[in-house]
């Protein structure tokens, strides 16, 4: 990626992050970056939104999560 493309991508991510904050989504820059990349690969944005909502309702259990 050349310097102009990198700068444009960074500015676009910053704009998306600002919009995300205005909408109070609670998504961080990294998560937004991953979601944007998945959309760029052709995944359905509505399906991704549904997955994010589901993870917020029922966070996945990971091996680092302690069960007592």
PDB file of N, CA and C in Angstrom:
ATOM      1  N   UNK A   1       0.867  -1.180   0.000  1.00  0.00           N
ATOM      2  CA  UNK A   1       0.000   0.000   0.000  1.00  0.00           C
ATOM      3  C   UNK A   1       0.901   1.227   0.000  1.00  0.00           C
ATOM      4  N   UNK A   2       0.644   2.145  -0.927  1.00  0.00           N
ATOM      5  CA  UNK A   2       1.463   3.350  -0.969  1.00  0.00           C
ATOM      6  C   UNK A   2       1.050   4.331   0.129  1.00  0.00           C
ATOM      7  N   UNK A   3       1.832   5.381   0.286  1.00  0.00           N
ATOM      8  CA  UNK A   3       1.614   6.330   1.375  1.00  0.00           C
ATOM      9  C   UNK A   3       0.264   7.041   1.286  1.00  0.00           C
ATOM     10  N   UNK A   4      -0.146   7.436   0.084  1.00  0.00           N
ATOM     11  CA  UNK A   4      -1.433   8.115  -0.082  1.00  0.00           C
ATOM     12  C   UNK A   4      -2.600   7.187   0.270  1.00  0.00           C
ATOM     13  N   UNK A   5      -2.512   5.929  -0.153  1.00  0.00           N
ATOM     14  CA  UNK A   5      -3.565   4.960   0.162  1.00  0.00           C
ATOM     15  C   UNK A   5      -3.640   4.707   1.658  1.00  0.00           C
ATOM     16  N   UNK A   6      -2.479   4.598   2.295  1.00  0.00           N
ATOM     17  CA  UNK A   6      -2.442   4.372   3.742  1.00  0.00           C
ATOM     18  C   UNK A   6      -3.046   5.555   4.488  1.00  0.00           C
ATOM     19  N   UNK A   7      -2.734   6.762   4.046  1.00  0.00           N
ATOM     20  CA  UNK A   7      -3.279   7.958   4.690  1.00  0.00           C
ATOM     21  C   UNK A   7      -4.788   8.031   4.506  1.00  0.00           C
ATOM     22  N   UNK A   8      -5.262   7.730   3.297  1.00  0.00           N
ATOM     23  CA  UNK A   8      -6.697   7.741   3.027  1.00  0.00           C
ATOM     24  C   UNK A   8      -7.416   6.697   3.876  1.00  0.00           C
ATOM     25  N   UNK A   9      -6.832   5.508   3.987  1.00  0.00           N
ATOM     26  CA  UNK A   9      -7.431   4.456   4.803  1.00  0.00           C
ATOM     27  C   UNK A   9      -7.482   4.868   6.266  1.00  0.00           C
ATOM     28  N   UNK A  10      -6.416   5.483   6.746  1.00  0.00           N
ATOM     29  CA  UNK A  10      -6.369   5.935   8.139  1.00  0.00           C
ATOM     30  C   UNK A  10      -7.404   7.030   8.402  1.00  0.00           C
ATOM     31  N   UNK A  11      -7.533   7.965   7.476  1.00  0.00           N
ATOM     32  CA  UNK A  11      -8.524   9.038   7.615  1.00  0.00           C
ATOM     33  C   UNK A  11      -9.942   8.477   7.561  1.00  0.00           C
ATOM     34  N   UNK A  12     -10.155   7.509   6.690  1.00  0.00           N
ATOM     35  CA  UNK A  12     -11.486   6.888   6.583  1.00  0.00           C
ATOM     36  C   UNK A  12     -11.843   6.149   7.865  1.00  0.00           C
ATOM     37  N   UNK A  13     -10.872   5.426   8.419  1.00  0.00           N
ATOM     38  CA  UNK A  13     -11.119   4.711   9.671  1.00  0.00           C
ATOM     39  C   UNK A  13     -11.408   5.695  10.797  1.00  0.00           C
ATOM     40  N   UNK A  14     -10.690   6.805  10.835  1.00  0.00           N
ATOM     41  CA  UNK A  14     -10.934   7.816  11.863  1.00  0.00           C
ATOM     42  C   UNK A  14     -12.344   8.392  11.732  1.00  0.00           C
ATOM     43  N   UNK A  15     -12.788   8.635  10.513  1.00  0.00           N
ATOM     44  CA  UNK A  15     -14.138   9.146  10.290  1.00  0.00           C
ATOM     45  C   UNK A  15     -15.187   8.132  10.738  1.00  0.00           C
ATOM     46  N   UNK A  16     -14.980   6.868  10.384  1.00  0.00           N
ATOM     47  CA  UNK A  16     -15.911   5.814  10.798  1.00  0.00           C
ATOM     48  C   UNK A  16     -15.929   5.699  12.318  1.00  0.00           C
ATOM     49  N   UNK A  17     -14.750   5.823  12.959  1.00  0.00           N
ATOM     50  CA  UNK A  17     -14.681   5.743  14.408  1.00  0.00           C
ATOM     51  C   UNK A  17     -15.439   6.909  15.054  1.00  0.00           C
ATOM     52  N   UNK A  18     -15.305   8.098  14.499  1.00  0.00           N
ATOM     53  CA  UNK A  18     -16.043   9.251  15.025  1.00  0.00           C
ATOM     54  C   UNK A  18     -17.553   9.038  14.888  1.00  0.00           C
ATOM     55  N   UNK A  19     -17.980   8.535  13.744  1.00  0.00           N
ATOM     56  CA  UNK A  19     -19.412   8.252  13.547  1.00  0.00           C
ATOM     57  C   UNK A  19     -19.878   7.183  14.531  1.00  0.00           C
ATOM     58  N   UNK A  20     -19.039   6.178  14.746  1.00  0.00           N
ATOM     59  CA  UNK A  20     -19.362   5.115  15.690  1.00  0.00           C
ATOM     60  C   UNK A  20     -19.541   5.679  17.097  1.00  0.00           C
ATOM     61  N   UNK A  21     -18.676   6.615  17.472  1.00  0.00           N
ATOM     62  CA  UNK A  21     -18.796   7.244  18.795  1.00  0.00           C
ATOM     63  C   UNK A  21     -20.064   8.083  18.903  1.00  0.00           C
ATOM     64  N   UNK A  22     -20.395   8.814  17.851  1.00  0.00           N
ATOM     65  CA  UNK A  22     -21.619   9.624  17.853  1.00  0.00           C
ATOM     66  C   UNK A  22     -22.834   8.723  18.032  1.00  0.00           C
ATOM     67  N   UNK A  23     -22.804   7.568  17.377  1.00  0.00           N
ATOM     68  CA  UNK A  23     -23.912   6.620  17.462  1.00  0.00           C
ATOM     69  C   UNK A  23     -23.831   5.746  18.714  1.00  0.00           C
ATOM     70  N   UNK A  24     -22.774   5.930  19.499  1.00  0.00           N
ATOM     71  CA  UNK A  24     -22.579   5.204  20.755  1.00  0.00           C
ATOM     72  C   UNK A  24     -22.618   3.689  20.550  1.00  0.00           C
ATOM     73  N   UNK A  25     -21.866   3.210  19.546  1.00  0.00           N
ATOM     74  CA  UNK A  25     -21.845   1.778  19.261  1.00  0.00           C
ATOM     75  C   UNK A  25     -20.961   0.999  20.220  1.00  0.00           C
ATOM     76  N   UNK A  26     -19.977   1.670  20.806  1.00  0.00           N
ATOM     77  CA  UNK A  26     -19.056   0.983  21.706  1.00  0.00           C
ATOM     78  C   UNK A  26     -17.986   0.182  20.984  1.00  0.00           C
ATOM     79  N   UNK A  27     -17.878   0.335  19.675  1.00  0.00           N
ATOM     80  CA  UNK A  27     -16.880  -0.395  18.906  1.00  0.00           C
ATOM     81  C   UNK A  27     -15.564   0.381  18.888  1.00  0.00           C
ATOM     82  N   UNK A  28     -14.454  -0.337  19.055  1.00  0.00           N
ATOM     83  CA  UNK A  28     -13.148   0.320  19.008  1.00  0.00           C
ATOM     84  C   UNK A  28     -12.625   0.351  17.569  1.00  0.00           C
ATOM     85  N   UNK A  29     -11.514   1.045  17.374  1.00  0.00           N
ATOM     86  CA  UNK A  29     -10.958   1.187  16.025  1.00  0.00           C
ATOM     87  C   UNK A  29     -10.601  -0.166  15.409  1.00  0.00           C
ATOM     88  N   UNK A  30     -10.023  -1.045  16.207  1.00  0.00           N
ATOM     89  CA  UNK A  30      -9.618  -2.351  15.679  1.00  0.00           C
ATOM     90  C   UNK A  30     -10.827  -3.140  15.191  1.00  0.00           C
ATOM     91  N   UNK A  31     -11.868  -3.187  16.005  1.00  0.00           N
ATOM     92  CA  UNK A  31     -13.079  -3.913  15.619  1.00  0.00           C
ATOM     93  C   UNK A  31     -13.685  -3.318  14.362  1.00  0.00           C
ATOM     94  N   UNK A  32     -13.758  -1.998  14.310  1.00  0.00           N
ATOM     95  CA  UNK A  32     -14.289  -1.343  13.111  1.00  0.00           C
ATOM     96  C   UNK A  32     -13.444  -1.676  11.888  1.00  0.00           C
ATOM     97  N   UNK A  33     -12.133  -1.695  12.064  1.00  0.00           N
ATOM     98  CA  UNK A  33     -11.239  -2.020  10.960  1.00  0.00           C
ATOM     99  C   UNK A  33     -11.495  -3.431  10.442  1.00  0.00           C
ATOM    100  N   UNK A  34     -11.682  -4.375  11.357  1.00  0.00           N
ATOM    101  CA  UNK A  34     -11.958  -5.761  10.958  1.00  0.00           C
ATOM    102  C   UNK A  34     -13.300  -5.840  10.235  1.00  0.00           C
ATOM    103  N   UNK A  35     -14.314  -5.163  10.766  1.00  0.00           N
ATOM    104  CA  UNK A  35     -15.634  -5.191  10.129  1.00  0.00           C
ATOM    105  C   UNK A  35     -15.599  -4.575   8.732  1.00  0.00           C
ATOM    106  N   UNK A  36     -14.866  -3.481   8.585  1.00  0.00           N
ATOM    107  CA  UNK A  36     -14.730  -2.844   7.266  1.00  0.00           C
ATOM    108  C   UNK A  36     -14.025  -3.793   6.301  1.00  0.00           C
ATOM    109  N   UNK A  37     -12.957  -4.439   6.764  1.00  0.00           N
ATOM    110  CA  UNK A  37     -12.228  -5.381   5.907  1.00  0.00           C
ATOM    111  C   UNK A  37     -13.131  -6.529   5.472  1.00  0.00           C
ATOM    112  N   UNK A  38     -13.960  -7.030   6.385  1.00  0.00           N
ATOM    113  CA  UNK A  38     -14.884  -8.112   6.024  1.00  0.00           C
ATOM    114  C   UNK A  38     -15.905  -7.642   4.991  1.00  0.00           C
ATOM    115  N   UNK A  39     -16.382  -6.416   5.134  1.00  0.00           N
ATOM    116  CA  UNK A  39     -17.307  -5.862   4.123  1.00  0.00           C
ATOM    117  C   UNK A  39     -16.600  -5.735   2.777  1.00  0.00           C
ATOM    118  N   UNK A  40     -15.332  -5.299   2.804  1.00  0.00           N
ATOM    119  CA  UNK A  40     -14.562  -5.178   1.563  1.00  0.00           C
ATOM    120  C   UNK A  40     -14.380  -6.524   0.872  1.00  0.00           C
ATOM    121  N   UNK A  41     -14.382  -7.596   1.670  1.00  0.00           N
ATOM    122  CA  UNK A  41     -14.256  -8.940   1.104  1.00  0.00           C
ATOM    123  C   UNK A  41     -15.586  -9.490   0.598  1.00  0.00           C
ATOM    124  N   UNK A  42     -16.666  -8.713   0.805  1.00  0.00           N
ATOM    125  CA  UNK A  42     -17.954  -9.105   0.256  1.00  0.00           C
ATOM    126  C   UNK A  42     -18.954  -9.643   1.261  1.00  0.00           C
ATOM    127  N   UNK A  43     -18.608  -9.661   2.552  1.00  0.00           N
ATOM    128  CA  UNK A  43     -19.581 -10.123   3.533  1.00  0.00           C
ATOM    129  C   UNK A  43     -20.712  -9.116   3.657  1.00  0.00           C
ATOM    130  N   UNK A  44     -21.877  -9.615   3.947  1.00  0.00           N
ATOM    131  CA  UNK A  44     -23.070  -8.788   4.061  1.00  0.00           C
ATOM    132  C   UNK A  44     -22.995  -7.949   5.337  1.00  0.00           C
ATOM    133  N   UNK A  45     -23.034  -6.605   5.222  1.00  0.00           N
ATOM    134  CA  UNK A  45     -22.950  -5.740   6.396  1.00  0.00           C
ATOM    135  C   UNK A  45     -24.072  -5.987   7.403  1.00  0.00           C
ATOM    136  N   UNK A  46     -25.261  -6.300   6.924  1.00  0.00           N
ATOM    137  CA  UNK A  46     -26.372  -6.571   7.838  1.00  0.00           C
ATOM    138  C   UNK A  46     -26.121  -7.847   8.631  1.00  0.00           C
ATOM    139  N   UNK A  47     -25.541  -8.841   7.990  1.00  0.00           N
ATOM    140  CA  UNK A  47     -25.218 -10.084   8.691  1.00  0.00           C
ATOM    141  C   UNK A  47     -24.133  -9.832   9.736  1.00  0.00           C
ATOM    142  N   UNK A  48     -23.134  -9.021   9.388  1.00  0.00           N
ATOM    143  CA  UNK A  48     -22.090  -8.680  10.360  1.00  0.00           C
ATOM    144  C   UNK A  48     -22.681  -7.938  11.554  1.00  0.00           C
ATOM    145  N   UNK A  49     -23.596  -7.010  11.295  1.00  0.00           N
ATOM    146  CA  UNK A  49     -24.245  -6.276  12.387  1.00  0.00           C
ATOM    147  C   UNK A  49     -25.000  -7.234  13.296  1.00  0.00           C
ATOM    148  N   UNK A  50     -25.659  -8.220  12.706  1.00  0.00           N
ATOM    149  CA  UNK A  50     -26.393  -9.206  13.507  1.00  0.00           C
ATOM    150  C   UNK A  50     -25.438 -10.016  14.379  1.00  0.00           C
ATOM    151  N   UNK A  51     -24.271 -10.364  13.842  1.00  0.00           N
ATOM    152  CA  UNK A  51     -23.274 -11.109  14.614  1.00  0.00           C
ATOM    153  C   UNK A  51     -22.762 -10.269  15.780  1.00  0.00           C
ATOM    154  N   UNK A  52     -22.478  -9.002  15.530  1.00  0.00           N
ATOM    155  CA  UNK A  52     -22.000  -8.113  16.597  1.00  0.00           C
ATOM    156  C   UNK A  52     -23.055  -8.003  17.690  1.00  0.00           C
ATOM    157  N   UNK A  53     -24.305  -7.827  17.304  1.00  0.00           N
ATOM    158  CA  UNK A  53     -25.385  -7.740  18.298  1.00  0.00           C
ATOM    159  C   UNK A  53     -25.490  -9.029  19.112  1.00  0.00           C
ATOM    160  N   UNK A  54     -25.372 -10.156  18.439  1.00  0.00           N
ATOM    161  CA  UNK A  54     -25.472 -11.443  19.136  1.00  0.00           C
ATOM    162  C   UNK A  54     -24.313 -11.627  20.114  1.00  0.00           C
ATOM    163  N   UNK A  55     -23.108 -11.256  19.707  1.00  0.00           N
ATOM    164  CA  UNK A  55     -21.955 -11.365  20.608  1.00  0.00           C
ATOM    165  C   UNK A  55     -22.116 -10.465  21.831  1.00  0.00           C
ATOM    166  N   UNK A  56     -22.759  -9.343  21.659  1.00  0.00           N
ATOM    167  CA  UNK A  56     -22.978  -8.455  22.804  1.00  0.00           C
ATOM    168  C   UNK A  56     -23.991  -9.047  23.771  1.00  0.00           C
ATOM    169  N   UNK A  57     -24.978  -9.760  23.255  1.00  0.00           N
ATOM    170  CA  UNK A  57     -25.973 -10.404  24.115  1.00  0.00           C
ATOM    171  C   UNK A  57     -25.387 -11.618  24.816  1.00  0.00           C
ATOM    172  N   UNK A  58     -24.662 -12.417  24.057  1.00  0.00           N
ATOM    173  CA  UNK A  58     -24.095 -13.667  24.572  1.00  0.00           C
ATOM    174  C   UNK A  58     -22.630 -13.760  24.160  1.00  0.00           C
ATOM    175  N   UNK A  59     -21.724 -13.151  24.934  1.00  0.00           N
ATOM    176  CA  UNK A  59     -20.301 -13.207  24.562  1.00  0.00           C
ATOM    177  C   UNK A  59     -19.816 -14.645  24.486  1.00  0.00           C
ATOM    178  N   UNK A  60     -18.982 -14.957  23.483  1.00  0.00           N
ATOM    179  CA  UNK A  60     -18.481 -16.329  23.362  1.00  0.00           C
ATOM    180  C   UNK A  60     -17.589 -16.679  24.543  1.00  0.00           C
ATOM    181  N   UNK A  61     -17.641 -17.911  24.990  1.00  0.00           N
ATOM    182  CA  UNK A  61     -16.780 -18.387  26.064  1.00  0.00           C
ATOM    183  C   UNK A  61     -15.453 -18.783  25.453  1.00  0.00           C
ATOM    184  N   UNK A  62     -14.373 -18.261  26.011  1.00  0.00           N
ATOM    185  CA  UNK A  62     -13.033 -18.601  25.508  1.00  0.00           C
ATOM    186  C   UNK A  62     -12.295 -19.413  26.550  1.00  0.00           C
ATOM    187  N   UNK A  63     -11.192 -19.990  26.144  1.00  0.00           N
ATOM    188  CA  UNK A  63     -10.408 -20.812  27.069  1.00  0.00           C
ATOM    189  C   UNK A  63      -9.796 -19.973  28.184  1.00  0.00           C
ATOM    190  N   UNK A  64      -9.672 -18.660  27.982  1.00  0.00           N
ATOM    191  CA  UNK A  64      -9.112 -17.801  29.026  1.00  0.00           C
ATOM    192  C   UNK A  64     -10.174 -17.377  30.031  1.00  0.00           C
ATOM    193  N   UNK A  65     -11.435 -17.667  29.738  1.00  0.00           N
ATOM    194  CA  UNK A  65     -12.526 -17.328  30.649  1.00  0.00           C
ATOM    195  C   UNK A  65     -12.591 -18.375  31.748  1.00  0.00           C
ATOM    196  N   UNK A  66     -12.521 -17.931  32.966  1.00  0.00           N
ATOM    197  CA  UNK A  66     -12.583 -18.835  34.112  1.00  0.00           C
ATOM    198  C   UNK A  66     -14.022 -19.188  34.416  1.00  0.00           C
ATOM    199  N   UNK A  67     -14.301 -20.468  34.605  1.00  0.00           N
ATOM    200  CA  UNK A  67     -15.637 -20.937  34.961  1.00  0.00           C
ATOM    201  C   UNK A  67     -15.562 -21.468  36.379  1.00  0.00           C
ATOM    202  N   UNK A  68     -16.310 -20.838  37.302  1.00  0.00           N
ATOM    203  CA  UNK A  68     -16.311 -21.263  38.703  1.00  0.00           C
ATOM    204  C   UNK A  68     -17.695 -21.629  39.138  1.00  0.00           C
TER     205      UNK A  68
END
